[in-house]
Amino acid sequence: MSKVLIFGAGGFVGRYLALEFKNAGYEVAGSDRVRTESVPEFVSFTEADLLEAAQVSKVVAEAKPDIIVNLAAISSVGASWSMPAATISVNVVGALNVCEAARALDPMPKVMFIGSSEEYEAVERPIDEEVPLRANNPYGISKAAQEAFTKLYRDRYGMKIYYVRPFNHTGVGQRDSFVLPSFVKQAAEISKSGKPGVIHVGNLAAKRDFSDVRDIVRAYRMIVEQDNCEAVYNVGSGVAYGLNELLDYIVSLSSTKITVQVDAERFRPVDTPLVVCDHAKITKELGWEPEYSIKDTLKEMFDNFLQA
């Protein structure tokens, strides 16, 4: 049985990726700074700080995985503006620690790093893999730097390092500091109260490509299982929704009257009005296609908040 080691196993995507690999017949090990309730019981878990190279090396040496996937990251664009230095440390130095730990193992495992659509320059069309990388925020810059190092390690040391650029994804369990869980949680709390309420929002002008997290982790597994580690793939739904349209749908799920109010503290100018994925490459080469509708995902998230 092949073994996968997931760094960042305690995060939102971690449990979905662990389940994806388990269902595909893998033994699953995981690591994060602490074990949280979101880590499935079937995961063989070890605590480690990604910025502590010795801890990372110990986890890798003891697990002896066939595949390593690094999900550990500061993953919010908004957060990256408030802590740019920490974003670079976690997303770049942390990735280098994983690279070094994997390089020391014999045989060297496959390694996958997660990039972002935020690496690309702003264009008014679907983004394919040929669009230039020209990030305009600290998070995107950190991911572009991470990607450059993965190519360096692949070329210099012959490592099988895989890289993927996912677009926005969401699902049950994502923190409400992200836009869609924030909308859904507010709507669900108003609905549960049985009284009319107000949802506070920021700028709704942006159009974004949102996927279900389960589609995204399936793509990760499919990418790292194939042999071509030099191919970089975009992963996204290929559909851009206006945030106002998704908010209208979320509000419609509530049986209680909801008023939408723009909050000045949440309002940020939209740097990139349109972000939508062109997933033709991964669809053609690996046969991956989205299976979930974002509106079905939002309904599932709403029902989950209602039951909380």
C-alpha atoms as a PDB file:
ATOM      1  CA  MET A   1       0.000   0.000   0.000  1.00  0.00           C
ATOM      2  CA  SER A   2       1.371   3.418  -0.959  1.00  0.00           C
ATOM      3  CA  LYS A   3       1.669   6.051   1.761  1.00  0.00           C
ATOM      4  CA  VAL A   4       0.964   9.768   1.577  1.00  0.00           C
ATOM      5  CA  LEU A   5       2.100  12.369   4.113  1.00  0.00           C
ATOM      6  CA  ILE A   6       0.051  15.584   4.285  1.00  0.00           C
ATOM      7  CA  PHE A   7       1.521  18.698   5.896  1.00  0.00           C
ATOM      8  CA  GLY A   8      -1.262  21.035   6.972  1.00  0.00           C
ATOM      9  CA  ALA A   9      -3.520  18.069   7.700  1.00  0.00           C
ATOM     10  CA  GLY A  10      -5.371  20.090  10.329  1.00  0.00           C
ATOM     11  CA  GLY A  11      -6.493  22.759   7.889  1.00  0.00           C
ATOM     12  CA  PHE A  12      -9.713  23.075   5.923  1.00  0.00           C
ATOM     13  CA  VAL A  13      -8.468  21.206   2.842  1.00  0.00           C
ATOM     14  CA  GLY A  14      -6.465  18.674   4.860  1.00  0.00           C
ATOM     15  CA  ARG A  15      -9.311  16.419   5.933  1.00  0.00           C
ATOM     16  CA  TYR A  16     -10.786  16.362   2.443  1.00  0.00           C
ATOM     17  CA  LEU A  17      -7.451  15.426   0.910  1.00  0.00           C
ATOM     18  CA  ALA A  18      -6.860  12.754   3.549  1.00  0.00           C
ATOM     19  CA  LEU A  19     -10.237  11.196   2.764  1.00  0.00           C
ATOM     20  CA  GLU A  20      -9.584  11.404  -0.990  1.00  0.00           C
ATOM     21  CA  PHE A  21      -6.346   9.435  -0.630  1.00  0.00           C
ATOM     22  CA  LYS A  22      -7.822   6.961   1.862  1.00  0.00           C
ATOM     23  CA  ASN A  23     -10.694   6.188  -0.512  1.00  0.00           C
ATOM     24  CA  ALA A  24      -8.135   5.638  -3.268  1.00  0.00           C
ATOM     25  CA  GLY A  25      -6.397   2.958  -1.178  1.00  0.00           C
ATOM     26  CA  TYR A  26      -3.533   4.897   0.427  1.00  0.00           C
ATOM     27  CA  GLU A  27      -2.184   4.811   3.955  1.00  0.00           C
ATOM     28  CA  VAL A  28      -2.452   8.406   5.202  1.00  0.00           C
ATOM     29  CA  ALA A  29      -0.084  10.204   7.579  1.00  0.00           C
ATOM     30  CA  GLY A  30      -0.484  13.838   8.554  1.00  0.00           C
ATOM     31  CA  SER A  31       1.270  16.665  10.335  1.00  0.00           C
ATOM     32  CA  ASP A  32       0.415  20.118  11.630  1.00  0.00           C
ATOM     33  CA  ARG A  33       1.335  22.308  14.563  1.00  0.00           C
ATOM     34  CA  VAL A  34      -1.463  20.734  16.646  1.00  0.00           C
ATOM     35  CA  ARG A  35      -4.002  17.999  16.116  1.00  0.00           C
ATOM     36  CA  THR A  36      -7.488  19.439  15.733  1.00  0.00           C
ATOM     37  CA  GLU A  37     -10.876  17.758  15.553  1.00  0.00           C
ATOM     38  CA  SER A  38     -10.842  18.169  11.783  1.00  0.00           C
ATOM     39  CA  VAL A  39      -8.068  15.577  11.402  1.00  0.00           C
ATOM     40  CA  PRO A  40      -9.735  12.216  10.636  1.00  0.00           C
ATOM     41  CA  GLU A  41      -9.081   9.371  13.070  1.00  0.00           C
ATOM     42  CA  PHE A  42      -7.573   7.191  10.336  1.00  0.00           C
ATOM     43  CA  VAL A  43      -4.680   9.659   9.864  1.00  0.00           C
ATOM     44  CA  SER A  44      -1.410   8.721  11.565  1.00  0.00           C
ATOM     45  CA  PHE A  45      -0.636  12.162  12.996  1.00  0.00           C
ATOM     46  CA  THR A  46       2.564  13.871  14.218  1.00  0.00           C
ATOM     47  CA  GLU A  47       2.812  17.444  15.485  1.00  0.00           C
ATOM     48  CA  ALA A  48       5.429  19.626  13.791  1.00  0.00           C
ATOM     49  CA  ASP A  49       6.010  23.283  12.971  1.00  0.00           C
ATOM     50  CA  LEU A  50       6.754  23.710   9.270  1.00  0.00           C
ATOM     51  CA  LEU A  51       9.264  26.465  10.084  1.00  0.00           C
ATOM     52  CA  GLU A  52      11.314  24.097  12.248  1.00  0.00           C
ATOM     53  CA  ALA A  53      13.464  22.218   9.752  1.00  0.00           C
ATOM     54  CA  ALA A  54      14.521  19.531  12.245  1.00  0.00           C
ATOM     55  CA  GLN A  55      10.891  18.753  13.107  1.00  0.00           C
ATOM     56  CA  VAL A  56       9.926  18.522   9.432  1.00  0.00           C
ATOM     57  CA  SER A  57      12.864  16.242   8.690  1.00  0.00           C
ATOM     58  CA  LYS A  58      11.965  13.980  11.612  1.00  0.00           C
ATOM     59  CA  VAL A  59       8.348  13.632  10.450  1.00  0.00           C
ATOM     60  CA  VAL A  60       9.420  12.764   6.903  1.00  0.00           C
ATOM     61  CA  ALA A  61      12.163  10.370   8.004  1.00  0.00           C
ATOM     62  CA  GLU A  62       9.810   8.472  10.310  1.00  0.00           C
ATOM     63  CA  ALA A  63       6.851   8.356   7.917  1.00  0.00           C
ATOM     64  CA  LYS A  64       8.898   7.298   4.865  1.00  0.00           C
ATOM     65  CA  PRO A  65       6.067   8.331   2.509  1.00  0.00           C
ATOM     66  CA  ASP A  66       5.798   7.644  -1.201  1.00  0.00           C
ATOM     67  CA  ILE A  67       4.083  11.012  -1.663  1.00  0.00           C
ATOM     68  CA  ILE A  68       4.226  14.268   0.308  1.00  0.00           C
ATOM     69  CA  VAL A  69       1.605  16.981  -0.175  1.00  0.00           C
ATOM     70  CA  ASN A  70       2.212  20.343   1.469  1.00  0.00           C
ATOM     71  CA  LEU A  71      -1.024  22.158   2.288  1.00  0.00           C
ATOM     72  CA  ALA A  72       0.424  24.170   5.170  1.00  0.00           C
ATOM     73  CA  ALA A  73       0.259  27.843   4.289  1.00  0.00           C
ATOM     74  CA  ILE A  74      -1.010  31.297   5.069  1.00  0.00           C
ATOM     75  CA  SER A  75      -3.751  31.055   2.478  1.00  0.00           C
ATOM     76  CA  SER A  76      -5.651  34.345   2.736  1.00  0.00           C
ATOM     77  CA  VAL A  77      -4.863  37.302   0.490  1.00  0.00           C
ATOM     78  CA  GLY A  78      -6.301  39.633   3.122  1.00  0.00           C
ATOM     79  CA  ALA A  79      -4.166  38.126   5.872  1.00  0.00           C
ATOM     80  CA  SER A  80      -1.059  38.366   3.692  1.00  0.00           C
ATOM     81  CA  TRP A  81      -1.391  42.148   3.510  1.00  0.00           C
ATOM     82  CA  SER A  82      -1.384  42.393   7.317  1.00  0.00           C
ATOM     83  CA  MET A  83       1.549  39.970   7.768  1.00  0.00           C
ATOM     84  CA  PRO A  84       3.665  39.875   4.600  1.00  0.00           C
ATOM     85  CA  ALA A  85       6.837  38.681   6.348  1.00  0.00           C
ATOM     86  CA  ALA A  86       5.054  35.766   8.024  1.00  0.00           C
ATOM     87  CA  THR A  87       3.422  34.888   4.700  1.00  0.00           C
ATOM     88  CA  ILE A  88       6.817  34.628   3.024  1.00  0.00           C
ATOM     89  CA  SER A  89       8.215  32.614   5.937  1.00  0.00           C
ATOM     90  CA  VAL A  90       5.458  30.011   6.034  1.00  0.00           C
ATOM     91  CA  ASN A  91       4.783  29.744   2.306  1.00  0.00           C
ATOM     92  CA  VAL A  92       8.400  29.831   1.087  1.00  0.00           C
ATOM     93  CA  VAL A  93      10.720  28.845   3.941  1.00  0.00           C
ATOM     94  CA  GLY A  94       8.254  26.166   5.049  1.00  0.00           C
ATOM     95  CA  ALA A  95       8.183  24.753   1.523  1.00  0.00           C
ATOM     96  CA  LEU A  96      11.985  24.696   1.416  1.00  0.00           C
ATOM     97  CA  ASN A  97      12.045  22.718   4.671  1.00  0.00           C
ATOM     98  CA  VAL A  98       9.762  20.138   3.075  1.00  0.00           C
ATOM     99  CA  CYS A  99      11.982  20.008  -0.026  1.00  0.00           C
ATOM    100  CA  GLU A 100      15.099  19.437   2.050  1.00  0.00           C
ATOM    101  CA  ALA A 101      13.457  16.746   4.160  1.00  0.00           C
ATOM    102  CA  ALA A 102      12.211  14.938   1.061  1.00  0.00           C
ATOM    103  CA  ARG A 103      15.620  15.224  -0.634  1.00  0.00           C
ATOM    104  CA  ALA A 104      17.268  13.497   2.327  1.00  0.00           C
ATOM    105  CA  LEU A 105      15.004  10.468   2.050  1.00  0.00           C
ATOM    106  CA  ASP A 106      16.113   7.446   0.021  1.00  0.00           C
ATOM    107  CA  PRO A 107      14.287   6.862  -2.212  1.00  0.00           C
ATOM    108  CA  MET A 108      13.055  10.435  -2.601  1.00  0.00           C
ATOM    109  CA  PRO A 109       9.262  10.649  -2.503  1.00  0.00           C
ATOM    110  CA  LYS A 110       7.057  12.543  -4.915  1.00  0.00           C
ATOM    111  CA  VAL A 111       6.254  15.995  -3.526  1.00  0.00           C
ATOM    112  CA  MET A 112       3.307  18.252  -4.364  1.00  0.00           C
ATOM    113  CA  PHE A 113       3.088  21.963  -3.640  1.00  0.00           C
ATOM    114  CA  ILE A 114      -0.049  24.050  -3.918  1.00  0.00           C
ATOM    115  CA  GLY A 115       0.184  27.316  -5.791  1.00  0.00           C
ATOM    116  CA  SER A 116      -2.621  29.753  -6.550  1.00  0.00           C
ATOM    117  CA  SER A 117      -4.455  31.617  -9.257  1.00  0.00           C
ATOM    118  CA  GLU A 118      -3.222  34.704  -7.383  1.00  0.00           C
ATOM    119  CA  GLU A 119       0.157  34.171  -9.073  1.00  0.00           C
ATOM    120  CA  TYR A 120      -1.229  35.300 -12.433  1.00  0.00           C
ATOM    121  CA  GLU A 121      -1.490  38.810 -13.779  1.00  0.00           C
ATOM    122  CA  ALA A 122      -4.980  40.262 -14.088  1.00  0.00           C
ATOM    123  CA  VAL A 123      -6.587  39.499 -17.447  1.00  0.00           C
ATOM    124  CA  GLU A 124     -10.160  39.902 -18.667  1.00  0.00           C
ATOM    125  CA  ARG A 125     -10.516  36.354 -19.960  1.00  0.00           C
ATOM    126  CA  PRO A 126     -10.309  32.788 -18.625  1.00  0.00           C
ATOM    127  CA  ILE A 127      -6.842  32.139 -17.230  1.00  0.00           C
ATOM    128  CA  ASP A 128      -4.863  29.301 -18.785  1.00  0.00           C
ATOM    129  CA  GLU A 129      -1.375  28.188 -17.808  1.00  0.00           C
ATOM    130  CA  GLU A 130       0.251  30.473 -20.393  1.00  0.00           C
ATOM    131  CA  VAL A 131      -0.926  33.707 -18.750  1.00  0.00           C
ATOM    132  CA  PRO A 132       2.148  35.475 -17.272  1.00  0.00           C
ATOM    133  CA  LEU A 133       2.828  35.159 -13.557  1.00  0.00           C
ATOM    134  CA  ARG A 134       2.622  38.685 -12.152  1.00  0.00           C
ATOM    135  CA  ALA A 135       1.163  38.573  -8.646  1.00  0.00           C
ATOM    136  CA  ASN A 136      -0.155  41.813  -7.161  1.00  0.00           C
ATOM    137  CA  ASN A 137      -0.377  40.875  -3.463  1.00  0.00           C
ATOM    138  CA  PRO A 138       1.947  39.327  -0.830  1.00  0.00           C
ATOM    139  CA  TYR A 139       0.172  35.965  -0.915  1.00  0.00           C
ATOM    140  CA  GLY A 140       0.479  35.635  -4.692  1.00  0.00           C
ATOM    141  CA  ILE A 141       4.125  36.717  -4.570  1.00  0.00           C
ATOM    142  CA  SER A 142       4.881  34.116  -1.895  1.00  0.00           C
ATOM    143  CA  LYS A 143       3.334  31.388  -4.041  1.00  0.00           C
ATOM    144  CA  ALA A 144       5.263  32.498  -7.127  1.00  0.00           C
ATOM    145  CA  ALA A 145       8.497  32.353  -5.101  1.00  0.00           C
ATOM    146  CA  GLN A 146       7.557  28.881  -3.838  1.00  0.00           C
ATOM    147  CA  GLU A 147       6.967  27.769  -7.414  1.00  0.00           C
ATOM    148  CA  ALA A 148      10.365  29.066  -8.520  1.00  0.00           C
ATOM    149  CA  PHE A 149      12.074  27.055  -5.782  1.00  0.00           C
ATOM    150  CA  THR A 150      10.185  23.882  -6.686  1.00  0.00           C
ATOM    151  CA  LYS A 151      11.449  24.188 -10.258  1.00  0.00           C
ATOM    152  CA  LEU A 152      14.982  24.776  -8.950  1.00  0.00           C
ATOM    153  CA  TYR A 153      14.869  21.621  -6.801  1.00  0.00           C
ATOM    154  CA  ARG A 154      13.379  19.620  -9.647  1.00  0.00           C
ATOM    155  CA  ASP A 155      16.095  20.728 -12.065  1.00  0.00           C
ATOM    156  CA  ARG A 156      19.039  20.639  -9.660  1.00  0.00           C
ATOM    157  CA  TYR A 157      18.300  17.467  -7.696  1.00  0.00           C
ATOM    158  CA  GLY A 158      16.078  15.469 -10.040  1.00  0.00           C
ATOM    159  CA  MET A 159      13.212  15.502  -7.546  1.00  0.00           C
ATOM    160  CA  LYS A 160       9.702  14.630  -8.683  1.00  0.00           C
ATOM    161  CA  ILE A 161       8.020  17.826  -7.530  1.00  0.00           C
ATOM    162  CA  TYR A 162       4.489  18.557  -8.709  1.00  0.00           C
ATOM    163  CA  TYR A 163       2.850  21.973  -8.782  1.00  0.00           C
ATOM    164  CA  VAL A 164      -0.758  23.020  -9.159  1.00  0.00           C
ATOM    165  CA  ARG A 165      -2.463  26.409  -9.342  1.00  0.00           C
ATOM    166  CA  PRO A 166      -5.977  26.084  -7.880  1.00  0.00           C
ATOM    167  CA  PHE A 167      -8.606  28.788  -8.005  1.00  0.00           C
ATOM    168  CA  ASN A 168     -10.958  29.634  -5.110  1.00  0.00           C
ATOM    169  CA  HIS A 169     -12.552  26.649  -3.415  1.00  0.00           C
ATOM    170  CA  THR A 170     -14.908  26.267  -0.494  1.00  0.00           C
ATOM    171  CA  GLY A 171     -17.000  23.737   1.416  1.00  0.00           C
ATOM    172  CA  VAL A 172     -18.190  22.662   4.844  1.00  0.00           C
ATOM    173  CA  GLY A 173     -15.522  23.478   7.425  1.00  0.00           C
ATOM    174  CA  GLN A 174     -13.929  26.513   5.788  1.00  0.00           C
ATOM    175  CA  ARG A 175     -13.328  29.410   8.190  1.00  0.00           C
ATOM    176  CA  ASP A 176     -15.795  32.275   8.051  1.00  0.00           C
ATOM    177  CA  SER A 177     -12.924  34.711   7.496  1.00  0.00           C
ATOM    178  CA  PHE A 178     -13.369  33.715   3.837  1.00  0.00           C
ATOM    179  CA  VAL A 179     -16.109  35.414   1.876  1.00  0.00           C
ATOM    180  CA  LEU A 180     -18.603  32.626   1.096  1.00  0.00           C
ATOM    181  CA  PRO A 181     -18.539  30.947   4.532  1.00  0.00           C
ATOM    182  CA  SER A 182     -18.988  34.430   6.018  1.00  0.00           C
ATOM    183  CA  PHE A 183     -22.121  35.034   3.944  1.00  0.00           C
ATOM    184  CA  VAL A 184     -23.491  31.555   4.629  1.00  0.00           C
ATOM    185  CA  LYS A 185     -22.865  31.667   8.377  1.00  0.00           C
ATOM    186  CA  GLN A 186     -24.527  35.074   8.738  1.00  0.00           C
ATOM    187  CA  ALA A 187     -27.565  33.937   6.731  1.00  0.00           C
ATOM    188  CA  ALA A 188     -27.869  30.694   8.707  1.00  0.00           C
ATOM    189  CA  GLU A 189     -27.665  32.486  12.063  1.00  0.00           C
ATOM    190  CA  ILE A 190     -30.420  34.897  11.009  1.00  0.00           C
ATOM    191  CA  SER A 191     -32.539  31.991   9.779  1.00  0.00           C
ATOM    192  CA  LYS A 192     -32.051  30.118  13.058  1.00  0.00           C
ATOM    193  CA  SER A 193     -33.076  33.184  15.062  1.00  0.00           C
ATOM    194  CA  GLY A 194     -36.431  33.378  13.290  1.00  0.00           C
ATOM    195  CA  LYS A 195     -36.154  37.173  13.234  1.00  0.00           C
ATOM    196  CA  PRO A 196     -35.288  39.540  10.378  1.00  0.00           C
ATOM    197  CA  GLY A 197     -31.584  40.335  10.248  1.00  0.00           C
ATOM    198  CA  VAL A 198     -28.775  42.062   8.403  1.00  0.00           C
ATOM    199  CA  ILE A 199     -25.827  40.523   6.539  1.00  0.00           C
ATOM    200  CA  HIS A 200     -22.769  42.757   6.538  1.00  0.00           C
ATOM    201  CA  VAL A 201     -20.708  42.539   3.349  1.00  0.00           C
ATOM    202  CA  GLY A 202     -17.804  44.171   1.572  1.00  0.00           C
ATOM    203  CA  ASN A 203     -17.343  44.808  -2.129  1.00  0.00           C
ATOM    204  CA  LEU A 204     -19.659  42.618  -4.206  1.00  0.00           C
ATOM    205  CA  ALA A 205     -18.411  43.773  -7.616  1.00  0.00           C
ATOM    206  CA  ALA A 206     -15.898  40.974  -8.171  1.00  0.00           C
ATOM    207  CA  LYS A 207     -16.547  37.905 -10.309  1.00  0.00           C
ATOM    208  CA  ARG A 208     -14.767  34.796  -9.095  1.00  0.00           C
ATOM    209  CA  ASP A 209     -14.377  31.116  -9.959  1.00  0.00           C
ATOM    210  CA  PHE A 210     -15.418  29.015  -6.953  1.00  0.00           C
ATOM    211  CA  SER A 211     -15.093  25.225  -6.790  1.00  0.00           C
ATOM    212  CA  ASP A 212     -16.143  22.600  -4.283  1.00  0.00           C
ATOM    213  CA  VAL A 213     -13.115  21.514  -2.257  1.00  0.00           C
ATOM    214  CA  ARG A 214     -13.852  17.860  -3.105  1.00  0.00           C
ATOM    215  CA  ASP A 215     -13.308  18.551  -6.799  1.00  0.00           C
ATOM    216  CA  ILE A 216     -10.018  20.271  -5.981  1.00  0.00           C
ATOM    217  CA  VAL A 217      -8.542  17.467  -3.856  1.00  0.00           C
ATOM    218  CA  ARG A 218      -9.512  14.897  -6.481  1.00  0.00           C
ATOM    219  CA  ALA A 219      -7.462  16.900  -8.975  1.00  0.00           C
ATOM    220  CA  TYR A 220      -4.491  16.981  -6.573  1.00  0.00           C
ATOM    221  CA  ARG A 221      -4.519  13.190  -6.285  1.00  0.00           C
ATOM    222  CA  MET A 222      -4.845  12.697 -10.048  1.00  0.00           C
ATOM    223  CA  ILE A 223      -1.967  15.094 -10.742  1.00  0.00           C
ATOM    224  CA  VAL A 224       0.495  13.561  -8.298  1.00  0.00           C
ATOM    225  CA  GLU A 225      -0.345  10.005  -9.394  1.00  0.00           C
ATOM    226  CA  GLN A 226       0.734  10.625 -13.002  1.00  0.00           C
ATOM    227  CA  ASP A 227       4.365  10.704 -14.115  1.00  0.00           C
ATOM    228  CA  ASN A 228       4.827  14.166 -15.620  1.00  0.00           C
ATOM    229  CA  CYS A 229       5.939  16.281 -12.671  1.00  0.00           C
ATOM    230  CA  GLU A 230       6.934  19.193 -14.922  1.00  0.00           C
ATOM    231  CA  ALA A 231       3.366  19.893 -16.045  1.00  0.00           C
ATOM    232  CA  VAL A 232       1.688  22.662 -14.045  1.00  0.00           C
ATOM    233  CA  TYR A 233      -2.099  22.548 -14.028  1.00  0.00           C
ATOM    234  CA  ASN A 234      -4.816  25.059 -13.271  1.00  0.00           C
ATOM    235  CA  VAL A 235      -7.744  23.652 -11.308  1.00  0.00           C
ATOM    236  CA  GLY A 236     -11.073  25.473 -11.146  1.00  0.00           C
ATOM    237  CA  SER A 237     -14.687  25.234 -12.204  1.00  0.00           C
ATOM    238  CA  GLY A 238     -14.371  27.354 -15.344  1.00  0.00           C
ATOM    239  CA  VAL A 239     -17.382  29.436 -14.266  1.00  0.00           C
ATOM    240  CA  ALA A 240     -17.230  32.935 -12.764  1.00  0.00           C
ATOM    241  CA  TYR A 241     -20.046  34.100 -10.516  1.00  0.00           C
ATOM    242  CA  GLY A 242     -20.556  37.630  -9.266  1.00  0.00           C
ATOM    243  CA  LEU A 243     -20.369  37.740  -5.483  1.00  0.00           C
ATOM    244  CA  ASN A 244     -23.691  39.578  -5.559  1.00  0.00           C
ATOM    245  CA  GLU A 245     -25.304  36.640  -7.420  1.00  0.00           C
ATOM    246  CA  LEU A 246     -23.988  34.086  -4.928  1.00  0.00           C
ATOM    247  CA  LEU A 247     -25.102  36.267  -2.029  1.00  0.00           C
ATOM    248  CA  ASP A 248     -28.602  36.518  -3.512  1.00  0.00           C
ATOM    249  CA  TYR A 249     -28.713  32.708  -3.694  1.00  0.00           C
ATOM    250  CA  ILE A 250     -27.524  32.346  -0.080  1.00  0.00           C
ATOM    251  CA  VAL A 251     -30.144  34.843   1.108  1.00  0.00           C
ATOM    252  CA  SER A 252     -32.815  32.873  -0.776  1.00  0.00           C
ATOM    253  CA  LEU A 253     -32.022  29.809   1.342  1.00  0.00           C
ATOM    254  CA  SER A 254     -33.288  31.549   4.462  1.00  0.00           C
ATOM    255  CA  SER A 255     -36.940  31.482   5.459  1.00  0.00           C
ATOM    256  CA  THR A 256     -36.336  34.696   7.412  1.00  0.00           C
ATOM    257  CA  LYS A 257     -36.091  38.172   5.868  1.00  0.00           C
ATOM    258  CA  ILE A 258     -32.488  39.255   5.372  1.00  0.00           C
ATOM    259  CA  THR A 259     -31.230  42.729   4.500  1.00  0.00           C
ATOM    260  CA  VAL A 260     -27.802  43.215   2.922  1.00  0.00           C
ATOM    261  CA  GLN A 261     -25.677  46.077   4.234  1.00  0.00           C
ATOM    262  CA  VAL A 262     -22.308  47.159   2.851  1.00  0.00           C
ATOM    263  CA  ASP A 263     -19.846  47.537   5.723  1.00  0.00           C
ATOM    264  CA  ALA A 264     -17.144  50.177   5.201  1.00  0.00           C
ATOM    265  CA  GLU A 265     -14.669  48.141   7.277  1.00  0.00           C
ATOM    266  CA  ARG A 266     -15.140  45.122   4.994  1.00  0.00           C
ATOM    267  CA  PHE A 267     -15.022  47.112   1.762  1.00  0.00           C
ATOM    268  CA  ARG A 268     -11.822  46.759  -0.226  1.00  0.00           C
ATOM    269  CA  PRO A 269     -11.271  47.940  -3.787  1.00  0.00           C
ATOM    270  CA  VAL A 270     -11.282  45.043  -6.240  1.00  0.00           C
ATOM    271  CA  ASP A 271      -7.762  44.687  -7.658  1.00  0.00           C
ATOM    272  CA  THR A 272      -8.914  42.073 -10.150  1.00  0.00           C
ATOM    273  CA  PRO A 273     -12.546  42.392 -11.314  1.00  0.00           C
ATOM    274  CA  LEU A 274     -12.659  38.972 -13.000  1.00  0.00           C
ATOM    275  CA  VAL A 275     -10.886  35.708 -12.113  1.00  0.00           C
ATOM    276  CA  VAL A 276     -11.989  32.547 -13.946  1.00  0.00           C
ATOM    277  CA  CYS A 277     -10.122  29.317 -14.643  1.00  0.00           C
ATOM    278  CA  ASP A 278      -9.455  27.715 -17.998  1.00  0.00           C
ATOM    279  CA  HIS A 279      -9.103  24.042 -17.006  1.00  0.00           C
ATOM    280  CA  ALA A 280      -8.779  22.715 -20.562  1.00  0.00           C
ATOM    281  CA  LYS A 281      -5.262  21.377 -19.961  1.00  0.00           C
ATOM    282  CA  ILE A 282      -6.045  19.116 -16.987  1.00  0.00           C
ATOM    283  CA  THR A 283      -9.311  18.028 -18.607  1.00  0.00           C
ATOM    284  CA  LYS A 284      -7.575  17.056 -21.851  1.00  0.00           C
ATOM    285  CA  GLU A 285      -4.491  15.435 -20.304  1.00  0.00           C
ATOM    286  CA  LEU A 286      -5.891  13.803 -17.142  1.00  0.00           C
ATOM    287  CA  GLY A 287      -9.639  13.680 -17.717  1.00  0.00           C
ATOM    288  CA  TRP A 288     -10.487  15.778 -14.661  1.00  0.00           C
ATOM    289  CA  GLU A 289     -13.738  17.710 -14.709  1.00  0.00           C
ATOM    290  CA  PRO A 290     -15.746  19.397 -11.926  1.00  0.00           C
ATOM    291  CA  GLU A 291     -18.487  17.210 -10.440  1.00  0.00           C
ATOM    292  CA  TYR A 292     -20.051  19.646  -7.956  1.00  0.00           C
ATOM    293  CA  SER A 293     -22.110  22.796  -8.490  1.00  0.00           C
ATOM    294  CA  ILE A 294     -21.087  25.706  -6.263  1.00  0.00           C
ATOM    295  CA  LYS A 295     -24.734  26.401  -5.442  1.00  0.00           C
ATOM    296  CA  ASP A 296     -25.181  22.824  -4.209  1.00  0.00           C
ATOM    297  CA  THR A 297     -22.048  23.316  -2.103  1.00  0.00           C
ATOM    298  CA  LEU A 298     -23.437  26.532  -0.620  1.00  0.00           C
ATOM    299  CA  LYS A 299     -26.699  24.766   0.250  1.00  0.00           C
ATOM    300  CA  GLU A 300     -24.724  22.038   2.020  1.00  0.00           C
ATOM    301  CA  MET A 301     -22.734  24.683   3.939  1.00  0.00           C
ATOM    302  CA  PHE A 302     -25.944  26.517   4.898  1.00  0.00           C
ATOM    303  CA  ASP A 303     -27.546  23.320   6.206  1.00  0.00           C
ATOM    304  CA  ASN A 304     -24.397  22.544   8.180  1.00  0.00           C
ATOM    305  CA  PHE A 305     -24.411  25.973   9.858  1.00  0.00           C
ATOM    306  CA  LEU A 306     -28.127  25.532  10.660  1.00  0.00           C
ATOM    307  CA  GLN A 307     -27.329  22.314  12.522  1.00  0.00           C
ATOM    308  CA  ALA A 308     -24.358  23.756  14.392  1.00  0.00           C
END
